[in-house]
C-alpha atoms as a PDB file:
ATOM      1  CA  MET A   1     179.550  32.076 -27.049  1.00  0.00           C
ATOM      2  CA  ASP A   2     176.273  33.597 -28.201  1.00  0.00           C
ATOM      3  CA  ILE A   3     174.100  34.609 -25.228  1.00  0.00           C
ATOM      4  CA  ARG A   4     171.041  34.240 -27.428  1.00  0.00           C
ATOM      5  CA  ALA A   5     171.934  30.589 -28.145  1.00  0.00           C
ATOM      6  CA  LEU A   6     172.216  29.944 -24.403  1.00  0.00           C
ATOM      7  CA  ARG A   7     168.821  31.554 -23.863  1.00  0.00           C
ATOM      8  CA  TYR A   8     167.157  29.461 -26.608  1.00  0.00           C
ATOM      9  CA  PHE A   9     168.746  26.282 -25.295  1.00  0.00           C
ATOM     10  CA  SER A  10     167.749  27.108 -21.699  1.00  0.00           C
ATOM     11  CA  GLU A  11     164.118  27.770 -22.678  1.00  0.00           C
ATOM     12  CA  THR A  12     163.993  24.524 -24.670  1.00  0.00           C
ATOM     13  CA  VAL A  13     165.174  22.542 -21.642  1.00  0.00           C
ATOM     14  CA  ARG A  14     162.906  24.408 -19.244  1.00  0.00           C
ATOM     15  CA  LEU A  15     159.807  23.808 -21.373  1.00  0.00           C
ATOM     16  CA  ASN A  16     160.980  20.405 -22.650  1.00  0.00           C
ATOM     17  CA  SER A  17     159.882  21.364 -26.147  1.00  0.00           C
ATOM     18  CA  PHE A  18     161.260  23.199 -29.162  1.00  0.00           C
ATOM     19  CA  SER A  19     157.811  24.393 -30.161  1.00  0.00           C
ATOM     20  CA  ARG A  20     156.884  25.704 -26.711  1.00  0.00           C
ATOM     21  CA  ALA A  21     160.290  27.410 -26.461  1.00  0.00           C
ATOM     22  CA  ALA A  22     159.652  29.025 -29.838  1.00  0.00           C
ATOM     23  CA  ASP A  23     156.274  30.323 -28.635  1.00  0.00           C
ATOM     24  CA  ALA A  24     157.794  31.696 -25.429  1.00  0.00           C
ATOM     25  CA  LEU A  25     160.613  33.401 -27.348  1.00  0.00           C
ATOM     26  CA  HIS A  26     158.315  34.662 -30.136  1.00  0.00           C
ATOM     27  CA  VAL A  27     160.399  33.039 -32.890  1.00  0.00           C
ATOM     28  CA  THR A  28     159.915  30.058 -35.208  1.00  0.00           C
ATOM     29  CA  GLN A  29     160.653  26.515 -34.120  1.00  0.00           C
ATOM     30  CA  SER A  30     163.272  26.200 -36.844  1.00  0.00           C
ATOM     31  CA  THR A  31     165.107  29.208 -35.394  1.00  0.00           C
ATOM     32  CA  VAL A  32     165.253  27.567 -31.967  1.00  0.00           C
ATOM     33  CA  SER A  33     166.461  24.274 -33.438  1.00  0.00           C
ATOM     34  CA  LYS A  34     169.115  26.067 -35.481  1.00  0.00           C
ATOM     35  CA  MET A  35     170.449  27.983 -32.461  1.00  0.00           C
ATOM     36  CA  VAL A  36     170.644  24.834 -30.334  1.00  0.00           C
ATOM     37  CA  ARG A  37     172.504  22.995 -33.134  1.00  0.00           C
ATOM     38  CA  GLN A  38     174.962  25.928 -33.411  1.00  0.00           C
ATOM     39  CA  LEU A  39     175.570  25.739 -29.664  1.00  0.00           C
ATOM     40  CA  GLU A  40     176.225  22.001 -29.890  1.00  0.00           C
ATOM     41  CA  ASP A  41     178.622  22.572 -32.783  1.00  0.00           C
ATOM     42  CA  GLU A  42     180.476  25.239 -30.842  1.00  0.00           C
ATOM     43  CA  ILE A  43     180.808  23.052 -27.747  1.00  0.00           C
ATOM     44  CA  GLY A  44     181.599  19.995 -29.828  1.00  0.00           C
ATOM     45  CA  ALA A  45     179.182  17.618 -28.114  1.00  0.00           C
ATOM     46  CA  PRO A  46     175.453  16.852 -28.151  1.00  0.00           C
ATOM     47  CA  LEU A  47     173.450  18.616 -25.471  1.00  0.00           C
ATOM     48  CA  LEU A  48     170.021  17.095 -25.955  1.00  0.00           C
ATOM     49  CA  ILE A  49     168.803  13.599 -26.676  1.00  0.00           C
ATOM     50  CA  ARG A  50     165.662  13.827 -28.748  1.00  0.00           C
ATOM     51  CA  ALA A  51     163.488  10.813 -27.832  1.00  0.00           C
ATOM     52  CA  GLY A  52     160.118  11.227 -29.550  1.00  0.00           C
ATOM     53  CA  ARG A  53     158.355  14.233 -28.009  1.00  0.00           C
ATOM     54  CA  SER A  54     160.580  14.172 -24.966  1.00  0.00           C
ATOM     55  CA  LEU A  55     163.993  15.799 -24.546  1.00  0.00           C
ATOM     56  CA  GLN A  56     166.749  14.604 -22.227  1.00  0.00           C
ATOM     57  CA  LEU A  57     169.986  16.346 -21.301  1.00  0.00           C
ATOM     58  CA  THR A  58     173.299  14.679 -21.975  1.00  0.00           C
ATOM     59  CA  ASP A  59     175.932  14.953 -19.239  1.00  0.00           C
ATOM     60  CA  THR A  60     177.514  17.820 -21.200  1.00  0.00           C
ATOM     61  CA  GLY A  61     174.075  19.330 -21.707  1.00  0.00           C
ATOM     62  CA  ARG A  62     173.452  19.264 -17.967  1.00  0.00           C
ATOM     63  CA  VAL A  63     176.677  21.208 -17.306  1.00  0.00           C
ATOM     64  CA  VAL A  64     175.839  23.743 -20.027  1.00  0.00           C
ATOM     65  CA  TYR A  65     172.286  24.184 -18.747  1.00  0.00           C
ATOM     66  CA  GLU A  66     173.420  24.777 -15.136  1.00  0.00           C
ATOM     67  CA  GLN A  67     176.051  27.293 -16.201  1.00  0.00           C
ATOM     68  CA  ALA A  68     173.634  28.942 -18.634  1.00  0.00           C
ATOM     69  CA  GLN A  69     171.262  29.722 -15.744  1.00  0.00           C
ATOM     70  CA  GLN A  70     174.017  31.603 -13.950  1.00  0.00           C
ATOM     71  CA  ILE A  71     175.171  33.417 -17.104  1.00  0.00           C
ATOM     72  CA  LEU A  72     171.660  34.469 -18.088  1.00  0.00           C
ATOM     73  CA  ALA A  73     170.912  35.621 -14.527  1.00  0.00           C
ATOM     74  CA  GLY A  74     174.111  37.679 -14.605  1.00  0.00           C
ATOM     75  CA  VAL A  75     173.118  39.257 -17.911  1.00  0.00           C
ATOM     76  CA  GLN A  76     169.722  40.119 -16.465  1.00  0.00           C
ATOM     77  CA  ARG A  77     171.356  41.722 -13.415  1.00  0.00           C
ATOM     78  CA  LEU A  78     173.677  43.650 -15.714  1.00  0.00           C
ATOM     79  CA  ASN A  79     170.766  44.938 -17.799  1.00  0.00           C
ATOM     80  CA  THR A  80     168.844  45.890 -14.674  1.00  0.00           C
ATOM     81  CA  GLU A  81     171.770  47.763 -13.134  1.00  0.00           C
ATOM     82  CA  VAL A  82     172.541  49.592 -16.378  1.00  0.00           C
ATOM     83  CA  LEU A  83     168.889  50.646 -16.624  1.00  0.00           C
ATOM     84  CA  ASN A  84     168.826  51.683 -12.961  1.00  0.00           C
ATOM     85  CA  THR A  85     171.980  53.752 -13.439  1.00  0.00           C
ATOM     86  CA  ARG A  86     170.581  55.414 -16.539  1.00  0.00           C
ATOM     87  CA  ASN A  87     167.317  56.165 -14.731  1.00  0.00           C
ATOM     88  CA  LEU A  88     169.167  57.370 -11.610  1.00  0.00           C
ATOM     89  CA  ARG A  89     167.828  54.540  -9.452  1.00  0.00           C
ATOM     90  CA  GLN A  90     171.309  53.582  -8.308  1.00  0.00           C
ATOM     91  CA  GLY A  91     174.818  54.990  -8.374  1.00  0.00           C
ATOM     92  CA  HIS A  92     177.291  57.102  -6.450  1.00  0.00           C
ATOM     93  CA  LEU A  93     178.314  60.731  -6.871  1.00  0.00           C
ATOM     94  CA  GLU A  94     181.265  62.419  -5.185  1.00  0.00           C
ATOM     95  CA  ILE A  95     181.347  66.215  -5.355  1.00  0.00           C
ATOM     96  CA  GLY A  96     184.148  68.501  -4.245  1.00  0.00           C
ATOM     97  CA  ILE A  97     182.881  71.655  -2.536  1.00  0.00           C
ATOM     98  CA  PRO A  98     184.985  74.420  -0.933  1.00  0.00           C
ATOM     99  CA  PRO A  99     184.064  75.364   2.658  1.00  0.00           C
ATOM    100  CA  MET A 100     182.783  78.823   1.686  1.00  0.00           C
ATOM    101  CA  VAL A 101     180.584  77.431  -1.086  1.00  0.00           C
ATOM    102  CA  ASN A 102     178.976  74.591   0.860  1.00  0.00           C
ATOM    103  CA  ILE A 103     176.202  76.649   2.481  1.00  0.00           C
ATOM    104  CA  LEU A 104     175.023  77.704  -0.980  1.00  0.00           C
ATOM    105  CA  CYS A 105     174.544  74.086  -2.049  1.00  0.00           C
ATOM    106  CA  THR A 106     172.012  73.066   0.594  1.00  0.00           C
ATOM    107  CA  PRO A 107     168.933  73.649  -1.628  1.00  0.00           C
ATOM    108  CA  VAL A 108     170.554  71.677  -4.467  1.00  0.00           C
ATOM    109  CA  LEU A 109     171.526  68.827  -2.150  1.00  0.00           C
ATOM    110  CA  LYS A 110     168.040  68.706  -0.620  1.00  0.00           C
ATOM    111  CA  ALA A 111     166.299  68.687  -4.030  1.00  0.00           C
ATOM    112  CA  PHE A 112     168.699  66.066  -5.422  1.00  0.00           C
ATOM    113  CA  ARG A 113     168.054  63.742  -2.472  1.00  0.00           C
ATOM    114  CA  GLU A 114     164.307  64.161  -2.944  1.00  0.00           C
ATOM    115  CA  ARG A 115     164.411  63.495  -6.690  1.00  0.00           C
ATOM    116  CA  HIS A 116     167.077  60.772  -6.675  1.00  0.00           C
ATOM    117  CA  PRO A 117     167.014  59.095  -3.250  1.00  0.00           C
ATOM    118  CA  ASP A 118     168.849  55.989  -4.505  1.00  0.00           C
ATOM    119  CA  ILE A 119     171.990  57.900  -5.533  1.00  0.00           C
ATOM    120  CA  ALA A 120     174.622  57.844  -2.785  1.00  0.00           C
ATOM    121  CA  ILE A 121     176.320  61.254  -2.417  1.00  0.00           C
ATOM    122  CA  THR A 122     179.729  61.950  -0.887  1.00  0.00           C
ATOM    123  CA  LEU A 123     180.655  65.589  -0.268  1.00  0.00           C
ATOM    124  CA  LEU A 124     184.386  66.271  -0.235  1.00  0.00           C
ATOM    125  CA  GLU A 125     185.213  69.598   1.405  1.00  0.00           C
ATOM    126  CA  ASP A 126     188.497  71.187   0.384  1.00  0.00           C
ATOM    127  CA  THR A 127     189.798  74.478  -0.939  1.00  0.00           C
ATOM    128  CA  GLY A 128     188.994  75.414  -4.518  1.00  0.00           C
ATOM    129  CA  PRO A 129     192.586  74.917  -5.793  1.00  0.00           C
ATOM    130  CA  GLN A 130     192.791  71.474  -4.174  1.00  0.00           C
ATOM    131  CA  ILE A 131     189.484  70.462  -5.739  1.00  0.00           C
ATOM    132  CA  GLU A 132     190.732  71.673  -9.126  1.00  0.00           C
ATOM    133  CA  GLN A 133     193.850  69.511  -8.714  1.00  0.00           C
ATOM    134  CA  ARG A 134     191.762  66.444  -7.827  1.00  0.00           C
ATOM    135  CA  VAL A 135     189.495  66.912 -10.834  1.00  0.00           C
ATOM    136  CA  ALA A 136     192.488  67.395 -13.141  1.00  0.00           C
ATOM    137  CA  ALA A 137     194.082  64.218 -11.742  1.00  0.00           C
ATOM    138  CA  GLY A 138     190.883  62.245 -12.387  1.00  0.00           C
ATOM    139  CA  THR A 139     190.324  61.300  -8.725  1.00  0.00           C
ATOM    140  CA  LEU A 140     187.199  63.485  -8.589  1.00  0.00           C
ATOM    141  CA  GLU A 141     184.588  63.647 -11.344  1.00  0.00           C
ATOM    142  CA  ILE A 142     183.140  67.052 -10.567  1.00  0.00           C
ATOM    143  CA  GLY A 143     183.924  69.874  -8.169  1.00  0.00           C
ATOM    144  CA  MET A 144     183.029  73.447  -7.350  1.00  0.00           C
ATOM    145  CA  THR A 145     185.524  76.257  -7.183  1.00  0.00           C
ATOM    146  CA  VAL A 146     185.796  80.026  -7.258  1.00  0.00           C
ATOM    147  CA  LEU A 147     187.087  81.683 -10.420  1.00  0.00           C
ATOM    148  CA  PRO A 148     189.680  82.250 -11.694  1.00  0.00           C
ATOM    149  CA  ILE A 149     190.866  78.642 -12.006  1.00  0.00           C
ATOM    150  CA  ALA A 150     194.443  77.545 -12.630  1.00  0.00           C
ATOM    151  CA  PRO A 151     194.816  77.760 -16.457  1.00  0.00           C
ATOM    152  CA  GLU A 152     197.520  75.099 -16.653  1.00  0.00           C
ATOM    153  CA  LEU A 153     195.053  72.435 -15.475  1.00  0.00           C
ATOM    154  CA  GLU A 154     193.011  72.839 -18.692  1.00  0.00           C
ATOM    155  CA  LEU A 155     189.739  72.105 -16.940  1.00  0.00           C
ATOM    156  CA  GLU A 156     186.285  72.705 -18.350  1.00  0.00           C
ATOM    157  CA  MET A 157     184.295  75.116 -16.231  1.00  0.00           C
ATOM    158  CA  THR A 158     180.585  75.732 -16.027  1.00  0.00           C
ATOM    159  CA  PRO A 159     179.894  79.048 -14.256  1.00  0.00           C
ATOM    160  CA  VAL A 160     176.912  78.858 -11.924  1.00  0.00           C
ATOM    161  CA  ALA A 161     176.491  82.209 -10.231  1.00  0.00           C
ATOM    162  CA  ALA A 162     178.252  85.428  -9.291  1.00  0.00           C
ATOM    163  CA  TYR A 163     177.935  87.564  -6.176  1.00  0.00           C
ATOM    164  CA  PRO A 164     179.358  91.020  -5.423  1.00  0.00           C
ATOM    165  CA  ILE A 165     181.971  91.304  -2.687  1.00  0.00           C
ATOM    166  CA  TRP A 166     181.292  93.542   0.289  1.00  0.00           C
ATOM    167  CA  ALA A 167     183.496  95.242   2.846  1.00  0.00           C
ATOM    168  CA  VAL A 168     182.441  94.461   6.423  1.00  0.00           C
ATOM    169  CA  ALA A 169     183.738  96.417   9.390  1.00  0.00           C
ATOM    170  CA  GLN A 170     182.950  97.637  12.884  1.00  0.00           C
ATOM    171  CA  ALA A 171     180.092 100.136  12.835  1.00  0.00           C
ATOM    172  CA  GLY A 172     181.406 103.647  12.240  1.00  0.00           C
ATOM    173  CA  ARG A 173     184.295 102.611   9.982  1.00  0.00           C
ATOM    174  CA  PHE A 174     182.493 103.848   6.832  1.00  0.00           C
ATOM    175  CA  GLN A 175     180.548 107.034   6.257  1.00  0.00           C
ATOM    176  CA  LYS A 176     176.957 106.814   7.404  1.00  0.00           C
ATOM    177  CA  ASN A 177     174.461 105.816   4.698  1.00  0.00           C
ATOM    178  CA  ARG A 178     177.278 104.829   2.322  1.00  0.00           C
ATOM    179  CA  SER A 179     176.224 101.892   0.126  1.00  0.00           C
ATOM    180  CA  THR A 180     179.375 101.396  -1.951  1.00  0.00           C
ATOM    181  CA  LEU A 181     183.100 101.728  -1.421  1.00  0.00           C
ATOM    182  CA  PRO A 182     185.678 102.372  -4.183  1.00  0.00           C
ATOM    183  CA  CYS A 183     188.264  99.620  -4.172  1.00  0.00           C
ATOM    184  CA  LYS A 184     191.097 102.166  -3.986  1.00  0.00           C
ATOM    185  CA  ALA A 185     189.809 103.258  -0.566  1.00  0.00           C
ATOM    186  CA  LEU A 186     190.979  99.882   0.790  1.00  0.00           C
ATOM    187  CA  LYS A 187     194.631 100.962   0.517  1.00  0.00           C
ATOM    188  CA  ASP A 188     194.225 103.014   3.688  1.00  0.00           C
ATOM    189  CA  MET A 189     192.478 100.262   5.689  1.00  0.00           C
ATOM    190  CA  PRO A 190     193.809  97.182   7.497  1.00  0.00           C
ATOM    191  CA  LEU A 191     192.245  94.074   5.946  1.00  0.00           C
ATOM    192  CA  VAL A 192     191.379  90.646   7.311  1.00  0.00           C
ATOM    193  CA  LEU A 193     191.309  88.053   4.531  1.00  0.00           C
ATOM    194  CA  LEU A 194     190.847  84.372   4.036  1.00  0.00           C
ATOM    195  CA  ASN A 195     194.021  82.336   3.605  1.00  0.00           C
ATOM    196  CA  ASN A 196     195.764  82.522   0.238  1.00  0.00           C
ATOM    197  CA  GLU A 197     194.563  79.091  -0.924  1.00  0.00           C
ATOM    198  CA  PHE A 198     190.952  80.330  -1.089  1.00  0.00           C
ATOM    199  CA  GLY A 199     189.507  81.367  -4.439  1.00  0.00           C
ATOM    200  CA  LEU A 200     188.094  84.561  -2.910  1.00  0.00           C
ATOM    201  CA  THR A 201     191.580  85.673  -1.900  1.00  0.00           C
ATOM    202  CA  ARG A 202     192.878  84.903  -5.401  1.00  0.00           C
ATOM    203  CA  THR A 203     190.141  87.164  -6.772  1.00  0.00           C
ATOM    204  CA  LEU A 204     190.976  89.949  -4.327  1.00  0.00           C
ATOM    205  CA  ARG A 205     194.710  89.780  -4.964  1.00  0.00           C
ATOM    206  CA  ASN A 206     194.029  90.091  -8.705  1.00  0.00           C
ATOM    207  CA  MET A 207     191.930  93.174  -7.950  1.00  0.00           C
ATOM    208  CA  PHE A 208     194.696  94.651  -5.754  1.00  0.00           C
ATOM    209  CA  ARG A 209     197.211  94.136  -8.578  1.00  0.00           C
ATOM    210  CA  ASP A 210     194.916  95.583 -11.256  1.00  0.00           C
ATOM    211  CA  THR A 211     194.086  98.693  -9.195  1.00  0.00           C
ATOM    212  CA  GLY A 212     197.637  99.240  -7.956  1.00  0.00           C
ATOM    213  CA  ILE A 213     196.831  98.622  -4.277  1.00  0.00           C
ATOM    214  CA  ALA A 214     199.442  97.328  -1.842  1.00  0.00           C
ATOM    215  CA  PRO A 215     197.046  95.941   0.792  1.00  0.00           C
ATOM    216  CA  GLU A 216     197.749  96.111   4.494  1.00  0.00           C
ATOM    217  CA  VAL A 217     196.752  92.614   5.613  1.00  0.00           C
ATOM    218  CA  ALA A 218     196.231  92.571   9.373  1.00  0.00           C
ATOM    219  CA  ALA A 219     195.341  88.859   9.589  1.00  0.00           C
ATOM    220  CA  GLN A 220     194.250  85.854   7.557  1.00  0.00           C
ATOM    221  CA  SER A 221     192.098  82.856   8.505  1.00  0.00           C
ATOM    222  CA  GLY A 222     190.515  79.774   6.994  1.00  0.00           C
ATOM    223  CA  GLN A 223     187.147  80.560   8.643  1.00  0.00           C
ATOM    224  CA  TRP A 224     184.914  83.303   7.321  1.00  0.00           C
ATOM    225  CA  ASP A 225     183.096  83.705  10.631  1.00  0.00           C
ATOM    226  CA  TRP A 226     186.432  84.420  12.353  1.00  0.00           C
ATOM    227  CA  LEU A 227     187.033  87.191   9.821  1.00  0.00           C
ATOM    228  CA  VAL A 228     183.702  88.659  10.907  1.00  0.00           C
ATOM    229  CA  ALA A 229     184.714  88.378  14.557  1.00  0.00           C
ATOM    230  CA  MET A 230     187.993  90.204  13.831  1.00  0.00           C
ATOM    231  CA  ALA A 231     186.120  92.897  11.925  1.00  0.00           C
ATOM    232  CA  LEU A 232     183.690  93.228  14.820  1.00  0.00           C
ATOM    233  CA  ALA A 233     186.638  93.629  17.195  1.00  0.00           C
ATOM    234  CA  GLY A 234     187.958  96.512  15.102  1.00  0.00           C
ATOM    235  CA  MET A 235     191.027  94.678  13.772  1.00  0.00           C
ATOM    236  CA  GLY A 236     190.270  95.504  10.166  1.00  0.00           C
ATOM    237  CA  VAL A 237     187.896  95.272   7.232  1.00  0.00           C
ATOM    238  CA  ALA A 238     186.709  91.821   6.132  1.00  0.00           C
ATOM    239  CA  LEU A 239     185.973  91.283   2.444  1.00  0.00           C
ATOM    240  CA  LEU A 240     183.187  88.748   1.946  1.00  0.00           C
ATOM    241  CA  PRO A 241     180.729  87.642  -0.771  1.00  0.00           C
ATOM    242  CA  GLU A 242     177.187  88.961  -0.561  1.00  0.00           C
ATOM    243  CA  PRO A 243     175.548  85.689   0.628  1.00  0.00           C
ATOM    244  CA  PHE A 244     177.688  85.743   3.779  1.00  0.00           C
ATOM    245  CA  VAL A 245     177.033  89.415   4.417  1.00  0.00           C
ATOM    246  CA  HIS A 246     173.289  88.732   4.324  1.00  0.00           C
ATOM    247  CA  ARG A 247     173.766  86.192   7.113  1.00  0.00           C
ATOM    248  CA  LEU A 248     175.140  88.837   9.492  1.00  0.00           C
ATOM    249  CA  ALA A 249     172.610  90.010  12.035  1.00  0.00           C
ATOM    250  CA  THR A 250     174.140  92.692  14.221  1.00  0.00           C
ATOM    251  CA  ASP A 251     173.917  96.465  14.259  1.00  0.00           C
ATOM    252  CA  GLN A 252     177.535  96.565  15.446  1.00  0.00           C
ATOM    253  CA  LEU A 253     178.741  95.832  11.920  1.00  0.00           C
ATOM    254  CA  GLN A 254     178.587  97.985   8.811  1.00  0.00           C
ATOM    255  CA  SER A 255     178.655  96.610   5.262  1.00  0.00           C
ATOM    256  CA  VAL A 256     179.239  98.357   1.925  1.00  0.00           C
ATOM    257  CA  ARG A 257     179.562  96.881  -1.544  1.00  0.00           C
ATOM    258  CA  LEU A 258     182.915  97.199  -3.334  1.00  0.00           C
ATOM    259  CA  ALA A 259     182.756  99.309  -6.485  1.00  0.00           C
ATOM    260  CA  GLU A 260     184.976 101.000  -9.054  1.00  0.00           C
ATOM    261  CA  PRO A 261     185.449  98.264 -10.103  1.00  0.00           C
ATOM    262  CA  GLU A 262     182.760  95.960  -8.736  1.00  0.00           C
ATOM    263  CA  VAL A 263     184.451  92.727  -7.685  1.00  0.00           C
ATOM    264  CA  GLN A 264     182.609  89.468  -8.295  1.00  0.00           C
ATOM    265  CA  TRP A 265     182.863  86.186  -6.382  1.00  0.00           C
ATOM    266  CA  GLN A 266     182.200  83.752  -9.216  1.00  0.00           C
ATOM    267  CA  VAL A 267     181.249  80.152  -8.453  1.00  0.00           C
ATOM    268  CA  ALA A 268     181.708  77.463 -11.095  1.00  0.00           C
ATOM    269  CA  TYR A 269     181.812  73.702 -11.564  1.00  0.00           C
ATOM    270  CA  VAL A 270     184.962  72.166 -13.006  1.00  0.00           C
ATOM    271  CA  THR A 271     185.329  68.855 -14.862  1.00  0.00           C
ATOM    272  CA  ARG A 272     187.949  67.287 -17.105  1.00  0.00           C
ATOM    273  CA  GLY A 273     185.568  67.410 -20.047  1.00  0.00           C
ATOM    274  CA  GLY A 274     184.279  64.424 -21.984  1.00  0.00           C
ATOM    275  CA  TYR A 275     182.009  61.831 -20.411  1.00  0.00           C
ATOM    276  CA  LEU A 276     180.112  62.576 -17.206  1.00  0.00           C
ATOM    277  CA  SER A 277     178.117  60.020 -15.265  1.00  0.00           C
ATOM    278  CA  HIS A 278     174.324  60.180 -15.320  1.00  0.00           C
ATOM    279  CA  ALA A 279     174.377  61.277 -11.661  1.00  0.00           C
ATOM    280  CA  ALA A 280     176.855  64.097 -12.325  1.00  0.00           C
ATOM    281  CA  ARG A 281     174.798  65.360 -15.272  1.00  0.00           C
ATOM    282  CA  ALA A 282     171.655  65.309 -13.127  1.00  0.00           C
ATOM    283  CA  TRP A 283     173.442  67.296 -10.406  1.00  0.00           C
ATOM    284  CA  LEU A 284     174.624  69.935 -12.893  1.00  0.00           C
ATOM    285  CA  ALA A 285     171.157  70.275 -14.391  1.00  0.00           C
ATOM    286  CA  LEU A 286     169.617  70.692 -10.954  1.00  0.00           C
ATOM    287  CA  SER A 287     172.254  73.250  -9.976  1.00  0.00           C
ATOM    288  CA  GLU A 288     171.376  75.411 -12.960  1.00  0.00           C
ATOM    289  CA  GLU A 289     167.739  75.169 -11.958  1.00  0.00           C
ATOM    290  CA  LEU A 290     168.002  75.686  -8.218  1.00  0.00           C
ATOM    291  CA  PHE A 291     171.391  77.099  -7.255  1.00  0.00           C
ATOM    292  CA  ALA A 292     170.943  79.212  -4.167  1.00  0.00           C
ATOM    293  CA  GLY A 293     170.750  82.914  -4.882  1.00  0.00           C
ATOM    294  CA  GLY A 294     172.935  85.235  -6.869  1.00  0.00           C
ATOM    295  CA  PRO A 295     172.524  86.373 -10.449  1.00  0.00           C
ATOM    296  CA  PRO A 296     173.831  83.830 -12.949  1.00  0.00           C
ATOM    297  CA  VAL A 297     177.122  84.507 -14.651  1.00  0.00           C
ATOM    298  CA  ALA A 298     176.563  85.528 -18.259  1.00  0.00           C
ATOM    299  CA  GLY A 299     176.911  82.497 -20.486  1.00  0.00           C
ATOM    300  CA  LYS A 300     176.634  79.230 -18.637  1.00  0.00           C
ATOM    301  CA  LYS A 301     178.202  77.310 -21.475  1.00  0.00           C
ATOM    302  CA  ALA A 302     181.123  75.142 -20.390  1.00  0.00           C
ATOM    303  CA  VAL A 303     184.431  76.714 -21.431  1.00  0.00           C
ATOM    304  CA  LYS A 304     188.071  75.863 -20.988  1.00  0.00           C
ATOM    305  CA  GLY A 305     189.926  77.652 -18.229  1.00  0.00           C
ATOM    306  CA  ALA A 306     192.078  80.347 -19.773  1.00  0.00           C
END
């Protein structure tokens, strides 16, 4: 059934005149009459009794008019909600964020709430690999992770930023005034690392393999601040991204940047590719604009995980 025919018929009944309905709809009177006749033909019964200048509804016409009001109101609500979604005045966005990445997202979250207060946001905290699995399965539209991602998932990734990794230890562990530490020097040091499911640990284990290091892992934890506490206690050297090192405020710790090669903690968004909601696209755009600290990874173009 043609929505336009329902609208023309409804206006004719409301105004009790074909000519006034035509004026209100900005069409000719013949167009209104034609649409009403088509509606009557489709329903198979007369809807209006034309008595001189007055119009009366038939019993079928009364049913059609009452239902038309509900249908047209529903169409109006639909149009309004589509427009609100497009203009980010309503909607919901769920974002997967690993525990170590969440503190970097606070400026983005704050700015997004200020710019789009009507978008409901749910933050799902999980490890990078778990977030990648959820995005690949289609249960999560967008998520953050730490590179490298699992290639078999065939996700699209949009790198956001990269930060050098630093070695953090009890004061006196490294030579005084040293600013960098060759990665090969780690082979002689006990290490405290995040658990294996963290992207940072994946990055470090790739570095160990590439440089021929068999690391001595003294302990592993799912909490970066516990790694710092273990380093402070002299249990070993913690390996952490630069943003976390900058949060340390004690002269009992010593920090040096890994070098030869420099190891990067690379943060990226992952999606399945294809369509993204208006809210997700707005979040990605804002992240590129405001992501907290760290030099951007070269080439922010979305690429397939390889």
